[in-house]
């Protein structure tokens, strides 16, 4: 389909990364990214209703989930997988 990244030709993403995942892989990474961001929102909501040591842990977890979710969405947007770029084969 025109405009789709073809992983067999070594096409480049807008960021200059070599595309190494197909449409299924992009959808899976986007799904995981959105899920992680939803969990981050839940973690920050927990921060709003909690106090003490649990609050600190929830903040750390929330920030970590935002970073992970944003990275998954970056991979999906660029049809690029960091694990595949390191030489490991993934199912998607």
N, C-alpha and C. Protein backbone atom coordinates (compact mmCIF):
# COMPACT_ATOMS: atom_id res chain seq x y z
N UNK A 1 0.85 -1.18 0.00
CA UNK A 1 0.00 0.00 0.00
C UNK A 1 0.89 1.24 0.00
N UNK A 2 0.59 2.24 -0.81
CA UNK A 2 1.40 3.45 -0.86
C UNK A 2 1.48 4.14 0.49
N UNK A 3 2.65 4.62 0.83
CA UNK A 3 2.83 5.33 2.08
C UNK A 3 3.20 4.44 3.26
N UNK A 4 3.03 3.13 3.10
CA UNK A 4 3.40 2.21 4.17
C UNK A 4 4.90 1.95 4.11
N UNK A 5 5.49 1.69 5.24
CA UNK A 5 6.91 1.39 5.29
C UNK A 5 7.13 -0.04 4.85
N UNK A 6 8.05 -0.26 3.96
CA UNK A 6 8.38 -1.59 3.49
C UNK A 6 9.67 -2.02 4.16
N UNK A 7 9.61 -3.06 4.98
CA UNK A 7 10.78 -3.48 5.74
C UNK A 7 11.78 -4.25 4.90
N UNK A 8 11.42 -4.62 3.69
CA UNK A 8 12.33 -5.42 2.87
C UNK A 8 13.28 -4.56 2.06
N UNK A 9 12.97 -3.30 1.84
CA UNK A 9 13.82 -2.45 1.01
C UNK A 9 14.75 -1.56 1.81
N UNK A 10 14.67 -1.61 3.13
CA UNK A 10 15.51 -0.76 3.95
C UNK A 10 15.11 0.70 3.88
N UNK A 11 13.81 0.97 3.73
CA UNK A 11 13.31 2.34 3.66
C UNK A 11 13.67 3.08 4.95
N UNK A 12 13.74 4.38 4.84
CA UNK A 12 14.06 5.22 6.00
C UNK A 12 12.81 5.90 6.51
N UNK A 13 12.72 6.02 7.83
CA UNK A 13 11.61 6.76 8.44
C UNK A 13 11.92 8.25 8.35
N UNK A 14 10.95 9.10 8.69
CA UNK A 14 11.22 10.55 8.67
C UNK A 14 12.39 10.96 9.57
N UNK A 15 12.68 10.15 10.60
CA UNK A 15 13.80 10.44 11.51
C UNK A 15 15.12 9.89 10.99
N UNK A 16 15.09 9.19 9.84
CA UNK A 16 16.31 8.62 9.28
C UNK A 16 16.62 7.23 9.80
N UNK A 17 15.70 6.63 10.55
CA UNK A 17 15.90 5.27 11.06
C UNK A 17 15.48 4.28 10.00
N UNK A 18 16.21 3.18 9.87
CA UNK A 18 15.85 2.15 8.91
C UNK A 18 14.63 1.40 9.42
N UNK A 19 13.57 1.39 8.63
CA UNK A 19 12.33 0.71 9.02
C UNK A 19 12.59 -0.79 9.16
N UNK A 20 12.20 -1.36 10.30
CA UNK A 20 12.45 -2.77 10.51
C UNK A 20 11.25 -3.53 11.07
N UNK A 21 10.06 -2.92 11.06
CA UNK A 21 8.84 -3.62 11.47
C UNK A 21 7.74 -3.32 10.46
N UNK A 22 6.78 -4.22 10.36
CA UNK A 22 5.68 -4.05 9.42
C UNK A 22 4.47 -3.44 10.12
N UNK A 23 3.34 -3.42 9.43
CA UNK A 23 2.12 -2.82 9.96
C UNK A 23 1.67 -3.48 11.25
N UNK A 24 1.75 -4.81 11.32
CA UNK A 24 1.35 -5.52 12.55
C UNK A 24 2.22 -5.10 13.73
N UNK A 25 3.52 -4.99 13.52
CA UNK A 25 4.42 -4.56 14.57
C UNK A 25 4.15 -3.14 15.03
N UNK A 26 3.83 -2.27 14.07
CA UNK A 26 3.52 -0.88 14.40
C UNK A 26 2.26 -0.81 15.25
N UNK A 27 1.23 -1.57 14.86
CA UNK A 27 -0.02 -1.56 15.62
C UNK A 27 0.21 -2.10 17.03
N UNK A 28 0.99 -3.16 17.16
CA UNK A 28 1.26 -3.75 18.48
C UNK A 28 1.99 -2.75 19.37
N UNK A 29 2.98 -2.07 18.83
CA UNK A 29 3.73 -1.09 19.62
C UNK A 29 2.86 0.11 20.00
N UNK A 30 1.99 0.52 19.08
CA UNK A 30 1.08 1.62 19.39
C UNK A 30 0.10 1.22 20.50
N UNK A 31 -0.41 0.00 20.44
CA UNK A 31 -1.32 -0.51 21.46
C UNK A 31 -0.63 -0.54 22.82
N UNK A 32 0.59 -1.03 22.87
CA UNK A 32 1.35 -1.08 24.13
C UNK A 32 1.62 0.34 24.63
N UNK A 33 1.99 1.24 23.74
CA UNK A 33 2.26 2.62 24.13
C UNK A 33 1.06 3.30 24.75
N UNK A 34 -0.11 3.14 24.14
CA UNK A 34 -1.33 3.74 24.68
C UNK A 34 -1.67 3.09 26.02
N UNK A 35 -1.49 1.79 26.12
CA UNK A 35 -1.75 1.10 27.39
C UNK A 35 -0.85 1.60 28.51
N UNK A 36 0.42 1.79 28.21
CA UNK A 36 1.35 2.29 29.23
C UNK A 36 1.00 3.71 29.65
N UNK A 37 0.57 4.53 28.71
CA UNK A 37 0.17 5.90 29.06
C UNK A 37 -1.10 5.89 29.91
N UNK A 38 -2.01 4.96 29.64
CA UNK A 38 -3.22 4.84 30.47
C UNK A 38 -2.85 4.42 31.89
N UNK A 39 -1.91 3.50 32.02
CA UNK A 39 -1.46 3.09 33.35
C UNK A 39 -0.77 4.25 34.07
N UNK A 40 -0.06 5.09 33.32
CA UNK A 40 0.58 6.26 33.92
C UNK A 40 -0.47 7.21 34.48
N UNK A 41 -1.55 7.41 33.74
CA UNK A 41 -2.64 8.25 34.24
C UNK A 41 -3.22 7.69 35.53
N UNK A 42 -3.40 6.38 35.57
CA UNK A 42 -3.91 5.74 36.79
C UNK A 42 -2.94 5.93 37.95
N UNK A 43 -1.66 5.84 37.66
CA UNK A 43 -0.65 6.04 38.70
C UNK A 43 -0.68 7.46 39.24
N UNK A 44 -0.82 8.44 38.33
CA UNK A 44 -0.88 9.83 38.78
C UNK A 44 -2.19 10.12 39.52
N UNK A 45 -3.26 9.45 39.16
CA UNK A 45 -4.52 9.59 39.90
C UNK A 45 -4.35 9.04 41.32
N UNK A 46 -3.60 7.95 41.44
CA UNK A 46 -3.30 7.38 42.75
C UNK A 46 -2.51 8.37 43.60
N UNK A 47 -1.59 9.10 42.96
CA UNK A 47 -0.80 10.12 43.66
C UNK A 47 -1.73 11.18 44.24
N UNK A 48 -2.77 11.54 43.51
CA UNK A 48 -3.67 12.61 43.95
C UNK A 48 -4.47 12.23 45.19
N UNK A 49 -4.68 10.93 45.42
CA UNK A 49 -5.51 10.52 46.56
C UNK A 49 -4.70 9.87 47.68
N UNK A 50 -3.38 9.84 47.54
CA UNK A 50 -2.53 9.15 48.51
C UNK A 50 -1.52 10.12 49.10
N UNK A 51 -1.02 9.76 50.25
CA UNK A 51 0.07 10.54 50.86
C UNK A 51 1.09 9.58 51.44
N UNK A 52 2.27 10.07 51.70
CA UNK A 52 3.31 9.25 52.30
C UNK A 52 4.20 8.57 51.28
N UNK A 53 4.83 7.47 51.70
CA UNK A 53 5.80 6.74 50.88
C UNK A 53 5.20 6.15 49.62
N UNK A 54 3.94 5.74 49.67
CA UNK A 54 3.30 5.17 48.49
C UNK A 54 3.20 6.21 47.38
N UNK A 55 3.09 7.46 47.76
CA UNK A 55 2.99 8.54 46.78
C UNK A 55 4.27 8.65 45.96
N UNK A 56 5.40 8.57 46.62
CA UNK A 56 6.70 8.65 45.93
C UNK A 56 6.84 7.51 44.93
N UNK A 57 6.48 6.31 45.36
CA UNK A 57 6.56 5.16 44.46
C UNK A 57 5.65 5.31 43.26
N UNK A 58 4.46 5.85 43.48
CA UNK A 58 3.51 6.05 42.38
C UNK A 58 4.01 7.10 41.40
N UNK A 59 4.67 8.12 41.90
CA UNK A 59 5.24 9.15 41.01
C UNK A 59 6.34 8.54 40.15
N UNK A 60 7.22 7.77 40.77
CA UNK A 60 8.31 7.12 40.02
C UNK A 60 7.73 6.17 38.98
N UNK A 61 6.74 5.39 39.38
CA UNK A 61 6.11 4.46 38.44
C UNK A 61 5.44 5.22 37.30
N UNK A 62 4.74 6.29 37.61
CA UNK A 62 4.05 7.07 36.59
C UNK A 62 5.00 7.67 35.58
N UNK A 63 6.09 8.25 36.05
CA UNK A 63 7.08 8.83 35.14
C UNK A 63 7.70 7.74 34.27
N UNK A 64 8.01 6.60 34.86
CA UNK A 64 8.58 5.49 34.10
C UNK A 64 7.61 5.00 33.04
N UNK A 65 6.33 4.92 33.37
CA UNK A 65 5.32 4.48 32.40
C UNK A 65 5.15 5.49 31.27
N UNK A 66 5.24 6.77 31.58
CA UNK A 66 5.16 7.80 30.53
C UNK A 66 6.33 7.66 29.57
N UNK A 67 7.53 7.48 30.10
CA UNK A 67 8.72 7.33 29.25
C UNK A 67 8.59 6.09 28.37
N UNK A 68 8.20 4.97 28.97
CA UNK A 68 8.04 3.73 28.20
C UNK A 68 6.96 3.85 27.15
N UNK A 69 5.82 4.44 27.50
CA UNK A 69 4.73 4.62 26.55
C UNK A 69 5.11 5.53 25.40
N UNK A 70 5.79 6.62 25.71
CA UNK A 70 6.22 7.55 24.67
C UNK A 70 7.22 6.87 23.72
N UNK A 71 8.10 6.04 24.26
CA UNK A 71 9.07 5.36 23.41
C UNK A 71 8.38 4.34 22.50
N UNK A 72 7.38 3.62 23.03
CA UNK A 72 6.63 2.67 22.19
C UNK A 72 5.91 3.41 21.06
N UNK A 73 5.32 4.55 21.35
CA UNK A 73 4.65 5.33 20.32
C UNK A 73 5.66 5.88 19.30
N UNK A 74 6.85 6.24 19.74
CA UNK A 74 7.92 6.66 18.84
C UNK A 74 8.29 5.53 17.89
N UNK A 75 8.44 4.31 18.43
CA UNK A 75 8.75 3.16 17.59
C UNK A 75 7.65 2.91 16.57
N UNK A 76 6.40 3.00 16.99
CA UNK A 76 5.27 2.78 16.08
C UNK A 76 5.24 3.84 14.98
N UNK A 77 5.46 5.08 15.34
CA UNK A 77 5.40 6.16 14.37
C UNK A 77 6.51 6.07 13.32
N UNK A 78 7.65 5.50 13.70
CA UNK A 78 8.79 5.43 12.80
C UNK A 78 9.02 4.05 12.21
N UNK A 79 8.12 3.09 12.47
CA UNK A 79 8.25 1.71 11.96
C UNK A 79 9.63 1.15 12.29
N UNK A 80 10.07 1.40 13.51
CA UNK A 80 11.41 1.02 13.94
C UNK A 80 11.33 0.41 15.33
N UNK A 81 12.07 -0.67 15.54
CA UNK A 81 12.09 -1.34 16.84
C UNK A 81 13.53 -1.37 17.35
N UNK A 82 13.74 -0.87 18.54
CA UNK A 82 15.09 -0.83 19.11
C UNK A 82 15.66 -2.22 19.31
N UNK A 83 14.82 -3.16 19.75
CA UNK A 83 15.30 -4.53 19.98
C UNK A 83 15.73 -5.17 18.67
N UNK A 84 14.94 -4.98 17.61
CA UNK A 84 15.32 -5.51 16.30
C UNK A 84 16.59 -4.83 15.78
N UNK A 85 16.74 -3.56 16.06
CA UNK A 85 17.93 -2.83 15.61
C UNK A 85 19.20 -3.37 16.27
N UNK A 86 19.05 -4.00 17.44
CA UNK A 86 20.19 -4.60 18.12
C UNK A 86 20.48 -6.01 17.62
N UNK A 87 19.67 -6.50 16.68
CA UNK A 87 19.95 -7.80 16.08
C UNK A 87 19.09 -8.94 16.59
N UNK A 88 18.19 -8.70 17.52
CA UNK A 88 17.32 -9.74 18.03
C UNK A 88 16.08 -9.85 17.14
N UNK A 89 15.59 -11.06 16.94
CA UNK A 89 14.37 -11.27 16.16
C UNK A 89 13.18 -11.26 17.13
N UNK A 90 12.14 -10.55 16.77
CA UNK A 90 10.92 -10.51 17.56
C UNK A 90 9.79 -11.11 16.73
N UNK A 91 8.72 -11.55 17.39
CA UNK A 91 7.60 -12.14 16.67
C UNK A 91 6.85 -11.10 15.86
N UNK A 92 6.74 -9.88 16.36
CA UNK A 92 6.02 -8.81 15.64
C UNK A 92 6.99 -7.74 15.20
